[in-house]
Amino acid sequence: MKFLSDEQISGLLPAETSSYPSPVPTQIVSSDEYLPVPQTAQQREVEARLKEMSGVLARKQGLSRRRFFQTAAGMAASFVAMNQVFGHIFDVSEAEAATPELADALAARKSGQFIIDGHTHFLRDDTRLLGFAAMRNAVGKSGWNKQLTDAGEQTIDDLKFNNYVKEMYMDSDTKIALLSNSPSDILQDWFIPQEQVFKTRETVNKTAGTRRMMAHFTITPGQPGWLDQVDEAVERFKPDSWKGYTVGDNTHKELAAYPWHADDEKLMYPFYEKIAKTGIRNVCIHKGLFAPAVAEKFPRLLPYADVSDIGKAAKDWPQLNFLVYHSGYRWVGGNPADGMAEFDKSGRSSWTSDLAEIPEKYGVKNVYGDLGQLFAWTAVAEPRLAAALMGMLVKGLGSDHIVWGTDAVWTGAPQWQIEGLRRLEIPEDMQKKYGFKPLGPADGPLKTAVFSGNSARLYGLEQHAEIFRRDRFAALKAEYEKSGPGRSNLRYGYVAPPA
């Protein structure tokens, strides 16, 4: 039913109640797809400094610590603490954390930024992934959302979808989200039924009055009738793009019967030919998230998890766009320090460096890197590595070929990730040693391209930067914000118990 066994889960704690509810996570949170690693010594120090700092600042501002953490100043305090521990990587000042008016003004100035999140999830109402669902079900009983609590017992769908909308559109600066999915060889264990994905898109866009949500149709290469399903999807759903997992069944890796390679001419090229004629030409492919411990458990899937099949497919099909999710980053599910050590030793990162080298190696311009868990995982555990990964992607793919994605809502409302990239800069010593370009300000050309410009070009959304300012969601958010910050700072899933 899941990657983690009942025995493994029994040794973990629910993230909703056991992880420190700071604006930026202070330890790794996982779903039931991989084991969370214990909080590192540096993360413990960040948490300790943040507790001390927030206690003082909250009292001075006449707030509880929880309320302080919901403010722009509280968000700034998290990055101040991270800079104190990891070195000056994030653009933030102690004055911003200590002065609510300054923090609010800076946040308000950035809140209108056009942000397209090309990688989001929630779970179906009848999910059998009960461990993860049970953690989320606890949210409705924890008292943080009075509306849900007053409504009584919630179904998983009520909690998942309602909370997804709240966290994506109300509690973050995200303007447009792409709803993704995860397939399974066992139909009941898909994250969301395909039809529900597109009903959700219809509901959100009808409510907003604009195109606030996009949706993938998830392909299952090799499964009986899969190409017929593609024809049906074009006719019935008109998907915004396609999504596939080359390892096949990512939920039941032990059963995965249909792994595939993107450059399999017999299997995949008829699909590419078919979609090239439809005009739906963005092919999103899950790669990476396959640390050594995962490879040891599922060695037969390892050849399908890396990015070695992307270059040839992209070269053979220049009329398509290949969006590699998580930018192939391997180390999610492993020790973040191992990923940092690999880069410090070699200047490379599995398999993100390989992805970044594809344009030069194959002479292609149609390969893109999605940030997904690459950014969420490294920004909180090894922010220097987050900077390095951004540097290598910009250097290899180009700033016009990186797309923003958060993999929310697994790690809660994505505002902390948005703030993380807005504030992130590559240290000067790293720029000089590896030839990385500076990332620049939050609204500079590079980060603007990553946050929205590239996805807007890929999905035909260039005009939406102004439309969203006056739709129904904009009015709903304005009303929502009048009642004060509502971001819960909760994460959903599992954390390792204290050492």
Foldseek 3Di string as FASTA:
>chain_A
DFPDDPVLLVQWDWQQPPWDLALAGLADFDFRLFAGDARDPLSVQLVVQLVVLLVVLQVVVVHDSQQLRLALLRLLSSVVSNCVRFNQFFPGDNCLNNPRVNSVVVCVVCLLFAFEAEAAEFADQPAPSVQQLVSQQVVLVPPLDVVSVVVPRDTSCCSGLVQVCCQAQQQASHQAYEYEWACAPPHRNIRYHQVVQQVSQVVVCVLFVHRRYFYADEAQWPPPPRVVVVVVCCVPRVHLAYEYEQCGHSGPSVPRPGHHFCQPCVTNVVVQVVVLVSPSAEYEYEAAQQAPVNCVVRVVSVVRRACPRPLVNCLVRVSHAYEYELLRQHQNSHDLVVQVVVCVVPVDGPPNLVQLQSCVVRVGLRYAYENEVVQSVCVNRPVLVNQSSVQSNCVRNNLLRYAYHHHPDQFHRCNSSLSSLQTGWHDPVSCVVPVGDTCDHCPDPSNSSHRPVNVCVSRVNVVVSPVSCPTSSVVVSVVVCVVPRSRSSGHGHTHRDHD
